[in-house]
Amino acid sequence: MGLEGLLLDLPPGQLQALEAAHATPPRAYHHFGHVREVLRHYREVADGPGWRRPCEVALAVLYHDAVYVPGRSDNEERSARLAVSETERWLGAEAPDVARVAELIRLTARHGSHAPGDFDGGDADDTRHFLDCDMAILGAPEAAFDAYDAAIAEEYRGVVPGWIYRRKRRQFLASLLDRERIFLSDFFHLRLEARARANLRRTLSLD
């Protein structure tokens, strides 16, 4: 299974295990196709502003949804732990900083609550760009955004009553629209912010 443009070489067995993890349980959105889409944005950053620690970010992208059960609050924590254990298992002494990988994954549990100034230090840009890569679907063309929105609803079907899901989903989308900035980095803000806001306004007006 090739992942062109990934700034990290992983053993085939590790990639196969990753793909299997993303298929269990079956998912409408958070499957390995989502990972590939986030990797597309990862490569855009690599070709643009660049990554300070590309290997750590790449692993965070690969593992950030490796454990995903709709409705559970510990998906990110379990994904972070899996990233650490699997990376140490497969890469051993050649493993990058797994603590940094786990830190990035845990931050995805609070999507929509971060602000650009929340991060400092030498790795701050990496953090902002990584989180924006995962949220870039908000600024996708209408058809892609609508497919994403429908897929999230499908994942929660049967998990919570429909009316609860719709209320909470609306609250989340509205909270994003109310923020001064949806995207944390200038790289994503300048390219995707306007379309993300248009998608959110359109979706909320349809409810």
N, C-alpha and C. Protein backbone atom coordinates (compact mmCIF):
# COMPACT_ATOMS: atom_id res chain seq x y z
N MET A 1 0.86 -1.19 0.00
CA MET A 1 0.00 0.00 0.00
C MET A 1 0.89 1.23 0.00
N GLY A 2 1.00 1.90 -1.14
CA GLY A 2 1.87 3.06 -1.20
C GLY A 2 1.17 4.32 -0.74
N LEU A 3 1.94 5.20 -0.14
CA LEU A 3 1.42 6.50 0.28
C LEU A 3 2.39 7.54 -0.27
N GLU A 4 2.18 7.91 -1.52
CA GLU A 4 3.10 8.83 -2.19
C GLU A 4 3.15 10.16 -1.46
N GLY A 5 4.37 10.69 -1.32
CA GLY A 5 4.55 11.99 -0.71
C GLY A 5 4.64 11.94 0.80
N LEU A 6 4.48 10.76 1.41
CA LEU A 6 4.62 10.65 2.86
C LEU A 6 6.09 10.77 3.21
N LEU A 7 6.43 11.75 4.03
CA LEU A 7 7.83 12.02 4.35
C LEU A 7 8.31 11.10 5.47
N LEU A 8 8.02 9.81 5.29
CA LEU A 8 8.36 8.82 6.31
C LEU A 8 8.19 7.44 5.68
N ASP A 9 9.19 6.58 5.86
CA ASP A 9 9.11 5.22 5.34
C ASP A 9 8.67 4.29 6.46
N LEU A 10 7.54 3.60 6.25
CA LEU A 10 7.03 2.66 7.24
C LEU A 10 7.07 1.25 6.68
N PRO A 11 7.27 0.25 7.52
CA PRO A 11 7.24 -1.14 7.06
C PRO A 11 5.85 -1.47 6.51
N PRO A 12 5.78 -2.30 5.47
CA PRO A 12 4.47 -2.66 4.90
C PRO A 12 3.51 -3.23 5.94
N GLY A 13 4.03 -4.01 6.88
CA GLY A 13 3.17 -4.60 7.90
C GLY A 13 2.50 -3.54 8.77
N GLN A 14 3.20 -2.46 9.05
CA GLN A 14 2.61 -1.40 9.86
C GLN A 14 1.49 -0.71 9.10
N LEU A 15 1.68 -0.47 7.82
CA LEU A 15 0.65 0.17 7.01
C LEU A 15 -0.57 -0.74 6.85
N GLN A 16 -0.33 -2.04 6.70
CA GLN A 16 -1.45 -2.97 6.58
C GLN A 16 -2.26 -3.00 7.87
N ALA A 17 -1.58 -2.98 9.00
CA ALA A 17 -2.28 -2.98 10.29
C ALA A 17 -3.08 -1.68 10.46
N LEU A 18 -2.53 -0.58 9.98
CA LEU A 18 -3.23 0.70 10.04
C LEU A 18 -4.52 0.67 9.23
N GLU A 19 -4.42 0.15 8.02
CA GLU A 19 -5.60 0.08 7.16
C GLU A 19 -6.66 -0.81 7.78
N ALA A 20 -6.24 -1.90 8.39
CA ALA A 20 -7.20 -2.80 9.05
C ALA A 20 -7.86 -2.12 10.24
N ALA A 21 -7.09 -1.34 10.99
CA ALA A 21 -7.65 -0.63 12.14
C ALA A 21 -8.73 0.34 11.71
N HIS A 22 -8.52 0.99 10.58
CA HIS A 22 -9.49 1.98 10.11
C HIS A 22 -10.74 1.34 9.50
N ALA A 23 -10.72 0.04 9.35
CA ALA A 23 -11.89 -0.66 8.83
C ALA A 23 -12.72 -1.29 9.94
N THR A 24 -12.28 -1.12 11.18
CA THR A 24 -12.95 -1.75 12.32
C THR A 24 -13.23 -0.72 13.41
N PRO A 25 -14.49 -0.50 13.77
CA PRO A 25 -15.67 -0.99 13.06
C PRO A 25 -15.83 -0.27 11.72
N PRO A 26 -16.68 -0.79 10.83
CA PRO A 26 -16.89 -0.12 9.54
C PRO A 26 -17.34 1.33 9.76
N ARG A 27 -16.83 2.23 8.94
CA ARG A 27 -17.10 3.66 9.13
C ARG A 27 -17.51 4.30 7.82
N ALA A 28 -18.39 5.26 7.91
CA ALA A 28 -18.84 5.98 6.72
C ALA A 28 -17.89 7.11 6.35
N TYR A 29 -17.17 7.66 7.33
CA TYR A 29 -16.27 8.78 7.05
C TYR A 29 -14.86 8.55 7.59
N HIS A 30 -14.74 8.12 8.83
CA HIS A 30 -13.43 8.03 9.47
C HIS A 30 -12.70 6.73 9.11
N HIS A 31 -12.65 6.42 7.82
CA HIS A 31 -11.93 5.25 7.33
C HIS A 31 -10.60 5.70 6.74
N PHE A 32 -9.90 4.77 6.08
CA PHE A 32 -8.57 5.13 5.60
C PHE A 32 -8.63 6.13 4.44
N GLY A 33 -9.78 6.21 3.78
CA GLY A 33 -9.92 7.24 2.75
C GLY A 33 -9.80 8.63 3.34
N HIS A 34 -10.31 8.83 4.55
CA HIS A 34 -10.15 10.11 5.23
C HIS A 34 -8.67 10.38 5.51
N VAL A 35 -7.95 9.35 5.93
CA VAL A 35 -6.52 9.53 6.18
C VAL A 35 -5.81 9.97 4.90
N ARG A 36 -6.14 9.34 3.80
CA ARG A 36 -5.50 9.71 2.53
C ARG A 36 -5.81 11.16 2.16
N GLU A 37 -7.02 11.61 2.45
CA GLU A 37 -7.37 13.00 2.16
C GLU A 37 -6.59 13.97 3.05
N VAL A 38 -6.44 13.63 4.33
CA VAL A 38 -5.64 14.47 5.22
C VAL A 38 -4.18 14.46 4.77
N LEU A 39 -3.70 13.31 4.29
CA LEU A 39 -2.33 13.25 3.78
C LEU A 39 -2.15 14.14 2.54
N ARG A 40 -3.21 14.31 1.76
CA ARG A 40 -3.12 15.21 0.61
C ARG A 40 -2.84 16.64 1.10
N HIS A 41 -3.50 17.04 2.16
CA HIS A 41 -3.24 18.37 2.71
C HIS A 41 -1.86 18.42 3.39
N TYR A 42 -1.47 17.32 3.99
CA TYR A 42 -0.11 17.23 4.57
C TYR A 42 0.94 17.51 3.48
N ARG A 43 0.73 16.93 2.29
CA ARG A 43 1.68 17.16 1.20
C ARG A 43 1.64 18.60 0.71
N GLU A 44 0.45 19.21 0.74
CA GLU A 44 0.36 20.62 0.36
C GLU A 44 1.18 21.50 1.29
N VAL A 45 1.12 21.20 2.59
CA VAL A 45 1.94 21.94 3.55
C VAL A 45 3.42 21.68 3.29
N ALA A 46 3.74 20.42 3.02
CA ALA A 46 5.15 20.07 2.76
C ALA A 46 5.69 20.85 1.56
N ASP A 47 4.84 21.05 0.55
CA ASP A 47 5.25 21.77 -0.65
C ASP A 47 5.15 23.28 -0.48
N GLY A 48 4.51 23.73 0.60
CA GLY A 48 4.33 25.16 0.85
C GLY A 48 5.19 25.64 2.01
N PRO A 49 4.55 25.95 3.13
CA PRO A 49 5.32 26.46 4.27
C PRO A 49 6.27 25.44 4.87
N GLY A 50 5.99 24.15 4.68
CA GLY A 50 6.88 23.10 5.16
C GLY A 50 6.57 22.67 6.60
N TRP A 51 7.09 21.50 6.93
CA TRP A 51 6.95 20.95 8.28
C TRP A 51 8.29 21.02 9.01
N ARG A 52 8.27 21.38 10.26
CA ARG A 52 9.48 21.37 11.06
C ARG A 52 9.84 19.94 11.45
N ARG A 53 8.82 19.14 11.79
CA ARG A 53 9.04 17.74 12.20
C ARG A 53 8.08 16.86 11.39
N PRO A 54 8.40 16.65 10.12
CA PRO A 54 7.48 15.96 9.22
C PRO A 54 7.15 14.53 9.62
N CYS A 55 8.10 13.81 10.19
CA CYS A 55 7.84 12.41 10.54
C CYS A 55 6.81 12.30 11.66
N GLU A 56 6.94 13.13 12.68
CA GLU A 56 5.99 13.10 13.77
C GLU A 56 4.58 13.47 13.30
N VAL A 57 4.50 14.49 12.45
CA VAL A 57 3.19 14.90 11.94
C VAL A 57 2.60 13.82 11.06
N ALA A 58 3.41 13.20 10.23
CA ALA A 58 2.91 12.13 9.36
C ALA A 58 2.31 10.99 10.17
N LEU A 59 2.97 10.61 11.24
CA LEU A 59 2.44 9.54 12.08
C LEU A 59 1.15 9.97 12.77
N ALA A 60 1.08 11.22 13.17
CA ALA A 60 -0.16 11.72 13.79
C ALA A 60 -1.31 11.68 12.78
N VAL A 61 -1.03 12.03 11.54
CA VAL A 61 -2.06 11.94 10.50
C VAL A 61 -2.51 10.50 10.33
N LEU A 62 -1.57 9.58 10.25
CA LEU A 62 -1.90 8.18 10.00
C LEU A 62 -2.71 7.56 11.13
N TYR A 63 -2.45 7.97 12.36
CA TYR A 63 -3.07 7.30 13.51
C TYR A 63 -4.19 8.09 14.19
N HIS A 64 -4.46 9.32 13.75
CA HIS A 64 -5.32 10.17 14.59
C HIS A 64 -6.75 9.64 14.72
N ASP A 65 -7.20 8.83 13.77
CA ASP A 65 -8.53 8.21 13.87
C ASP A 65 -8.45 6.69 13.81
N ALA A 66 -7.30 6.13 14.16
CA ALA A 66 -7.13 4.68 14.07
C ALA A 66 -8.14 3.95 14.95
N VAL A 67 -8.45 4.54 16.10
CA VAL A 67 -9.51 4.02 16.97
C VAL A 67 -10.66 5.00 16.89
N TYR A 68 -11.79 4.54 16.38
CA TYR A 68 -12.93 5.43 16.24
C TYR A 68 -14.22 4.66 16.42
N VAL A 69 -14.91 4.95 17.51
CA VAL A 69 -16.23 4.39 17.77
C VAL A 69 -17.16 5.57 18.02
N PRO A 70 -18.13 5.82 17.15
CA PRO A 70 -19.01 6.99 17.32
C PRO A 70 -19.64 7.04 18.70
N GLY A 71 -19.57 8.23 19.30
CA GLY A 71 -20.18 8.42 20.61
C GLY A 71 -19.23 8.25 21.77
N ARG A 72 -18.06 7.64 21.54
CA ARG A 72 -17.11 7.47 22.63
C ARG A 72 -16.25 8.71 22.79
N SER A 73 -15.88 9.01 24.02
CA SER A 73 -15.09 10.21 24.30
C SER A 73 -13.60 9.93 24.38
N ASP A 74 -13.20 8.66 24.25
CA ASP A 74 -11.79 8.32 24.42
C ASP A 74 -11.13 7.87 23.12
N ASN A 75 -11.76 8.14 21.98
CA ASN A 75 -11.18 7.71 20.71
C ASN A 75 -9.78 8.28 20.49
N GLU A 76 -9.62 9.57 20.75
CA GLU A 76 -8.33 10.22 20.52
C GLU A 76 -7.26 9.68 21.46
N GLU A 77 -7.63 9.47 22.71
CA GLU A 77 -6.67 8.92 23.67
C GLU A 77 -6.24 7.52 23.27
N ARG A 78 -7.18 6.71 22.88
CA ARG A 78 -6.86 5.34 22.47
C ARG A 78 -6.05 5.33 21.17
N SER A 79 -6.36 6.25 20.27
CA SER A 79 -5.59 6.35 19.03
C SER A 79 -4.16 6.78 19.32
N ALA A 80 -4.00 7.72 20.26
CA ALA A 80 -2.66 8.17 20.63
C ALA A 80 -1.84 7.03 21.22
N ARG A 81 -2.45 6.25 22.07
CA ARG A 81 -1.74 5.12 22.68
C ARG A 81 -1.38 4.07 21.64
N LEU A 82 -2.30 3.84 20.70
CA LEU A 82 -2.01 2.88 19.64
C LEU A 82 -0.85 3.37 18.77
N ALA A 83 -0.83 4.66 18.47
CA ALA A 83 0.26 5.22 17.68
C ALA A 83 1.60 5.00 18.36
N VAL A 84 1.64 5.20 19.65
CA VAL A 84 2.89 5.01 20.40
C VAL A 84 3.32 3.55 20.37
N SER A 85 2.41 2.66 20.72
CA SER A 85 2.77 1.25 20.82
C SER A 85 3.15 0.65 19.47
N GLU A 86 2.37 0.99 18.42
CA GLU A 86 2.65 0.45 17.10
C GLU A 86 3.94 1.01 16.51
N THR A 87 4.18 2.30 16.71
CA THR A 87 5.40 2.91 16.18
C THR A 87 6.63 2.33 16.87
N GLU A 88 6.56 2.18 18.17
CA GLU A 88 7.69 1.59 18.89
C GLU A 88 7.89 0.14 18.48
N ARG A 89 6.79 -0.57 18.26
CA ARG A 89 6.88 -1.98 17.86
C ARG A 89 7.54 -2.13 16.50
N TRP A 90 7.11 -1.32 15.53
CA TRP A 90 7.57 -1.50 14.16
C TRP A 90 8.88 -0.78 13.86
N LEU A 91 9.11 0.37 14.48
CA LEU A 91 10.29 1.16 14.13
C LEU A 91 11.41 1.05 15.16
N GLY A 92 11.08 0.64 16.37
CA GLY A 92 12.10 0.43 17.38
C GLY A 92 12.95 1.66 17.62
N ALA A 93 14.25 1.48 17.56
CA ALA A 93 15.18 2.57 17.83
C ALA A 93 15.09 3.68 16.79
N GLU A 94 14.51 3.38 15.63
CA GLU A 94 14.40 4.38 14.57
C GLU A 94 13.13 5.21 14.69
N ALA A 95 12.33 4.93 15.71
CA ALA A 95 11.07 5.65 15.87
C ALA A 95 11.32 7.13 16.17
N PRO A 96 10.53 8.03 15.57
CA PRO A 96 10.64 9.45 15.92
C PRO A 96 10.06 9.70 17.31
N ASP A 97 9.83 10.95 17.64
CA ASP A 97 9.36 11.33 18.98
C ASP A 97 7.89 10.95 19.13
N VAL A 98 7.64 9.79 19.73
CA VAL A 98 6.26 9.30 19.84
C VAL A 98 5.44 10.14 20.81
N ALA A 99 6.09 10.79 21.76
CA ALA A 99 5.35 11.66 22.68
C ALA A 99 4.74 12.84 21.91
N ARG A 100 5.48 13.36 20.95
CA ARG A 100 4.95 14.45 20.12
C ARG A 100 3.81 13.95 19.24
N VAL A 101 3.93 12.75 18.70
CA VAL A 101 2.86 12.16 17.90
C VAL A 101 1.58 12.07 18.73
N ALA A 102 1.71 11.53 19.93
CA ALA A 102 0.55 11.38 20.81
C ALA A 102 -0.04 12.73 21.18
N GLU A 103 0.81 13.73 21.42
CA GLU A 103 0.31 15.06 21.76
C GLU A 103 -0.56 15.62 20.65
N LEU A 104 -0.10 15.50 19.41
CA LEU A 104 -0.87 16.02 18.28
C LEU A 104 -2.22 15.31 18.17
N ILE A 105 -2.22 13.99 18.31
CA ILE A 105 -3.47 13.24 18.18
C ILE A 105 -4.45 13.66 19.27
N ARG A 106 -3.97 13.82 20.49
CA ARG A 106 -4.87 14.20 21.59
C ARG A 106 -5.50 15.57 21.34
N LEU A 107 -4.80 16.46 20.66
CA LEU A 107 -5.34 17.79 20.39
C LEU A 107 -6.57 17.74 19.48
N THR A 108 -6.70 16.68 18.67
CA THR A 108 -7.85 16.60 17.78
C THR A 108 -9.16 16.39 18.54
N ALA A 109 -9.08 16.01 19.80
CA ALA A 109 -10.30 15.85 20.61
C ALA A 109 -11.00 17.18 20.85
N ARG A 110 -10.28 18.29 20.65
CA ARG A 110 -10.85 19.61 20.92
C ARG A 110 -10.95 20.47 19.67
N HIS A 111 -11.18 19.82 18.53
CA HIS A 111 -11.39 20.58 17.30
C HIS A 111 -12.51 21.60 17.52
N GLY A 112 -12.27 22.80 17.03
CA GLY A 112 -13.28 23.85 17.15
C GLY A 112 -13.14 24.69 18.39
N SER A 113 -12.23 24.31 19.29
CA SER A 113 -12.04 25.10 20.51
C SER A 113 -10.67 25.76 20.56
N HIS A 114 -9.81 25.44 19.60
CA HIS A 114 -8.47 26.03 19.58
C HIS A 114 -8.48 27.40 18.90
N ALA A 115 -7.54 28.23 19.30
CA ALA A 115 -7.30 29.52 18.66
C ALA A 115 -5.85 29.56 18.19
N PRO A 116 -5.54 30.35 17.17
CA PRO A 116 -4.16 30.38 16.66
C PRO A 116 -3.12 30.65 17.74
N GLY A 117 -3.45 31.50 18.70
CA GLY A 117 -2.49 31.85 19.72
C GLY A 117 -2.34 30.85 20.85
N ASP A 118 -3.06 29.74 20.77
CA ASP A 118 -2.99 28.74 21.83
C ASP A 118 -1.66 27.99 21.85
N PHE A 119 -0.93 28.07 20.76
CA PHE A 119 0.29 27.28 20.62
C PHE A 119 1.49 28.20 20.47
N ASP A 120 2.58 27.82 21.11
CA ASP A 120 3.81 28.59 20.98
C ASP A 120 4.99 27.63 20.89
N GLY A 121 6.17 28.18 20.79
CA GLY A 121 7.35 27.35 20.66
C GLY A 121 7.64 27.02 19.21
N GLY A 122 8.73 26.31 19.00
CA GLY A 122 9.19 26.02 17.65
C GLY A 122 8.26 25.15 16.84
N ASP A 123 7.43 24.35 17.50
CA ASP A 123 6.55 23.43 16.78
C ASP A 123 5.14 23.97 16.61
N ALA A 124 4.91 25.23 16.95
CA ALA A 124 3.55 25.79 16.91
C ALA A 124 2.96 25.74 15.51
N ASP A 125 3.74 26.07 14.49
CA ASP A 125 3.21 26.05 13.13
C ASP A 125 2.82 24.64 12.72
N ASP A 126 3.64 23.65 13.11
CA ASP A 126 3.29 22.27 12.81
C ASP A 126 1.94 21.91 13.44
N THR A 127 1.73 22.34 14.67
CA THR A 127 0.48 22.04 15.36
C THR A 127 -0.71 22.65 14.63
N ARG A 128 -0.60 23.92 14.29
CA ARG A 128 -1.69 24.60 13.59
C ARG A 128 -1.97 23.96 12.23
N HIS A 129 -0.91 23.67 11.49
CA HIS A 129 -1.10 23.07 10.17
C HIS A 129 -1.69 21.67 10.27
N PHE A 130 -1.24 20.89 11.24
CA PHE A 130 -1.78 19.53 11.41
C PHE A 130 -3.28 19.57 11.71
N LEU A 131 -3.68 20.40 12.66
CA LEU A 131 -5.09 20.49 13.01
C LEU A 131 -5.93 21.00 11.83
N ASP A 132 -5.37 21.92 11.07
CA ASP A 132 -6.08 22.43 9.90
C ASP A 132 -6.21 21.38 8.81
N CYS A 133 -5.19 20.54 8.64
CA CYS A 133 -5.28 19.45 7.67
C CYS A 133 -6.50 18.58 7.96
N ASP A 134 -6.73 18.30 9.22
CA ASP A 134 -7.84 17.43 9.61
C ASP A 134 -9.19 18.13 9.43
N MET A 135 -9.20 19.45 9.51
CA MET A 135 -10.45 20.22 9.39
C MET A 135 -10.66 20.78 7.99
N ALA A 136 -9.75 20.49 7.08
CA ALA A 136 -9.82 21.10 5.75
C ALA A 136 -11.08 20.72 4.98
N ILE A 137 -11.71 19.61 5.34
CA ILE A 137 -12.94 19.19 4.69
C ILE A 137 -14.02 20.27 4.79
N LEU A 138 -13.95 21.10 5.82
CA LEU A 138 -14.94 22.17 5.97
C LEU A 138 -14.88 23.14 4.80
N GLY A 139 -13.71 23.29 4.21
CA GLY A 139 -13.53 24.21 3.10
C GLY A 139 -13.52 23.52 1.75
N ALA A 140 -14.04 22.30 1.69
CA ALA A 140 -14.10 21.55 0.44
C ALA A 140 -15.22 22.09 -0.45
N PRO A 141 -15.21 21.75 -1.74
CA PRO A 141 -16.34 22.10 -2.61
C PRO A 141 -17.65 21.54 -2.04
N GLU A 142 -18.77 22.16 -2.43
CA GLU A 142 -20.06 21.83 -1.83
C GLU A 142 -20.36 20.33 -1.81
N ALA A 143 -20.17 19.65 -2.93
CA ALA A 143 -20.51 18.24 -3.01
C ALA A 143 -19.70 17.41 -2.03
N ALA A 144 -18.41 17.71 -1.91
CA ALA A 144 -17.56 16.97 -0.98
C ALA A 144 -17.94 17.26 0.46
N PHE A 145 -18.25 18.52 0.75
CA PHE A 145 -18.68 18.87 2.11
C PHE A 145 -19.99 18.17 2.45
N ASP A 146 -20.93 18.17 1.53
CA ASP A 146 -22.23 17.54 1.79
C ASP A 146 -22.07 16.04 2.01
N ALA A 147 -21.16 15.41 1.24
CA ALA A 147 -20.92 13.97 1.42
C ALA A 147 -20.32 13.71 2.80
N TYR A 148 -19.40 14.57 3.23
CA TYR A 148 -18.82 14.45 4.57
C TYR A 148 -19.89 14.60 5.64
N ASP A 149 -20.74 15.60 5.50
CA ASP A 149 -21.78 15.86 6.50
C ASP A 149 -22.75 14.67 6.60
N ALA A 150 -23.10 14.11 5.45
CA ALA A 150 -23.99 12.95 5.44
C ALA A 150 -23.32 11.72 6.03
N ALA A 151 -22.02 11.56 5.78
CA ALA A 151 -21.29 10.41 6.30
C ALA A 151 -21.18 10.46 7.82
N ILE A 152 -20.97 11.65 8.37
CA ILE A 152 -20.93 11.78 9.83
C ILE A 152 -22.28 11.40 10.43
N ALA A 153 -23.35 11.85 9.80
CA ALA A 153 -24.69 11.50 10.28
C ALA A 153 -24.89 9.99 10.23
N GLU A 154 -24.40 9.35 9.18
CA GLU A 154 -24.54 7.89 9.05
C GLU A 154 -23.79 7.17 10.16
N GLU A 155 -22.62 7.68 10.53
CA GLU A 155 -21.85 7.02 11.59
C GLU A 155 -22.58 7.06 12.93
N TYR A 156 -23.37 8.09 13.14
CA TYR A 156 -24.09 8.22 14.42
C TYR A 156 -25.49 7.62 14.38
N ARG A 157 -25.89 7.12 13.20
CA ARG A 157 -27.21 6.52 13.10
C ARG A 157 -27.30 5.29 14.01
N GLY A 158 -28.26 5.26 14.88
CA GLY A 158 -28.41 4.15 15.81
C GLY A 158 -27.59 4.28 17.07
N VAL A 159 -26.68 5.26 17.09
CA VAL A 159 -25.84 5.47 18.28
C VAL A 159 -26.55 6.39 19.26
N VAL A 160 -27.11 7.47 18.75
CA VAL A 160 -27.90 8.40 19.56
C VAL A 160 -29.19 8.69 18.79
N PRO A 161 -30.26 9.09 19.47
CA PRO A 161 -31.49 9.46 18.75
C PRO A 161 -31.22 10.57 17.74
N GLY A 162 -31.90 10.50 16.61
CA GLY A 162 -31.66 11.45 15.54
C GLY A 162 -31.81 12.89 15.96
N TRP A 163 -32.80 13.19 16.78
CA TRP A 163 -33.02 14.58 17.16
C TRP A 163 -31.88 15.11 18.03
N ILE A 164 -31.30 14.23 18.85
CA ILE A 164 -30.15 14.65 19.66
C ILE A 164 -28.94 14.90 18.77
N TYR A 165 -28.72 13.98 17.81
CA TYR A 165 -27.60 14.18 16.91
C TYR A 165 -27.73 15.49 16.15
N ARG A 166 -28.90 15.75 15.59
CA ARG A 166 -29.09 16.97 14.79
C ARG A 166 -28.88 18.23 15.63
N ARG A 167 -29.35 18.20 16.87
CA ARG A 167 -29.18 19.37 17.74
C ARG A 167 -27.71 19.60 18.04
N LYS A 168 -27.01 18.55 18.42
CA LYS A 168 -25.59 18.70 18.78
C LYS A 168 -24.73 19.03 17.57
N ARG A 169 -25.08 18.44 16.44
CA ARG A 169 -24.32 18.73 15.22
C ARG A 169 -24.51 20.19 14.83
N ARG A 170 -25.74 20.67 14.91
CA ARG A 170 -26.01 22.07 14.60
C ARG A 170 -25.26 23.00 15.55
N GLN A 171 -25.22 22.64 16.83
CA GLN A 171 -24.50 23.45 17.81
C GLN A 171 -23.01 23.52 17.46
N PHE A 172 -22.45 22.37 17.06
CA PHE A 172 -21.03 22.34 16.71
C PHE A 172 -20.74 23.18 15.48
N LEU A 173 -21.52 23.01 14.44
CA LEU A 173 -21.29 23.77 13.22
C LEU A 173 -21.49 25.27 13.45
N ALA A 174 -22.50 25.62 14.24
CA ALA A 174 -22.75 27.04 14.54
C ALA A 174 -21.60 27.62 15.35
N SER A 175 -21.04 26.83 16.25
CA SER A 175 -19.92 27.32 17.06
C SER A 175 -18.69 27.59 16.19
N LEU A 176 -18.50 26.78 15.17
CA LEU A 176 -17.40 27.05 14.24
C LEU A 176 -17.63 28.35 13.48
N LEU A 177 -18.85 28.55 13.04
CA LEU A 177 -19.17 29.76 12.29
C LEU A 177 -19.03 31.01 13.15
N ASP A 178 -19.25 30.88 14.44
CA ASP A 178 -19.17 32.02 15.35
C ASP A 178 -17.73 32.40 15.69
N ARG A 179 -16.78 31.53 15.38
CA ARG A 179 -15.39 31.81 15.74
C ARG A 179 -14.81 32.90 14.84
N GLU A 180 -13.86 33.63 15.38
CA GLU A 180 -13.18 34.66 14.59
C GLU A 180 -12.48 34.04 13.40
N ARG A 181 -11.86 32.87 13.62
CA ARG A 181 -11.21 32.11 12.56
C ARG A 181 -11.54 30.64 12.74
N ILE A 182 -11.86 29.97 11.63
CA ILE A 182 -12.04 28.52 11.68
C ILE A 182 -10.68 27.84 11.58
N PHE A 183 -9.86 28.30 10.66
CA PHE A 183 -8.55 27.69 10.46
C PHE A 183 -7.48 28.44 11.25
N LEU A 184 -6.59 27.69 11.85
CA LEU A 184 -5.62 28.24 12.78
C LEU A 184 -4.40 28.84 12.09
N SER A 185 -4.05 28.29 10.94
CA SER A 185 -2.86 28.75 10.22
C SER A 185 -3.25 29.70 9.09
N ASP A 186 -2.35 30.59 8.77
CA ASP A 186 -2.60 31.49 7.64
C ASP A 186 -2.69 30.70 6.34
N PHE A 187 -1.92 29.64 6.21
CA PHE A 187 -1.89 28.84 4.99
C PHE A 187 -3.27 28.31 4.64
N PHE A 188 -4.01 27.78 5.61
CA PHE A 188 -5.35 27.27 5.36
C PHE A 188 -6.41 28.38 5.42
N HIS A 189 -6.21 29.33 6.31
CA HIS A 189 -7.17 30.42 6.45
C HIS A 189 -7.35 31.18 5.14
N LEU A 190 -6.26 31.50 4.50
CA LEU A 190 -6.34 32.29 3.28
C LEU A 190 -6.97 31.52 2.13
N ARG A 191 -6.81 30.21 2.09
CA ARG A 191 -7.30 29.43 0.97
C ARG A 191 -8.70 28.86 1.19
N LEU A 192 -9.05 28.52 2.43
CA LEU A 192 -10.26 27.74 2.66
C LEU A 192 -11.31 28.40 3.57
N GLU A 193 -10.94 29.47 4.26
CA GLU A 193 -11.85 30.05 5.24
C GLU A 193 -13.18 30.49 4.63
N ALA A 194 -13.12 31.19 3.53
CA ALA A 194 -14.36 31.73 2.93
C ALA A 194 -15.29 30.60 2.50
N ARG A 195 -14.74 29.57 1.86
CA ARG A 195 -15.59 28.46 1.42
C ARG A 195 -16.13 27.66 2.60
N ALA A 196 -15.33 27.52 3.66
CA ALA A 196 -15.81 26.82 4.85
C ALA A 196 -17.01 27.56 5.45
N ARG A 197 -16.91 28.86 5.54
CA ARG A 197 -18.01 29.64 6.10
C ARG A 197 -19.26 29.55 5.21
N ALA A 198 -19.05 29.53 3.91
CA ALA A 198 -20.19 29.39 3.01
C ALA A 198 -20.85 28.03 3.19
N ASN A 199 -20.06 26.98 3.33
CA ASN A 199 -20.60 25.64 3.56
C ASN A 199 -21.40 25.58 4.86
N LEU A 200 -20.86 26.16 5.90
CA LEU A 200 -21.53 26.13 7.20
C LEU A 200 -22.83 26.92 7.17
N ARG A 201 -22.80 28.10 6.58
CA ARG A 201 -24.02 28.91 6.50
C ARG A 201 -25.09 28.19 5.69
N ARG A 202 -24.70 27.59 4.58
CA ARG A 202 -25.66 26.88 3.75
C ARG A 202 -26.25 25.69 4.50
N THR A 203 -25.40 24.93 5.17
CA THR A 203 -25.87 23.75 5.88
C THR A 203 -26.80 24.12 7.04
N LEU A 204 -26.46 25.14 7.78
CA LEU A 204 -27.30 25.57 8.90
C LEU A 204 -28.62 26.13 8.41
N SER A 205 -28.63 26.75 7.25
CA SER A 205 -29.88 27.30 6.72
C SER A 205 -30.81 26.21 6.23
N LEU A 206 -30.24 25.03 5.91
CA LEU A 206 -31.06 23.93 5.43
C LEU A 206 -31.73 23.17 6.56
N ASP A 207 -31.21 23.30 7.77
CA ASP A 207 -31.76 22.53 8.91
C ASP A 207 -33.11 23.10 9.35
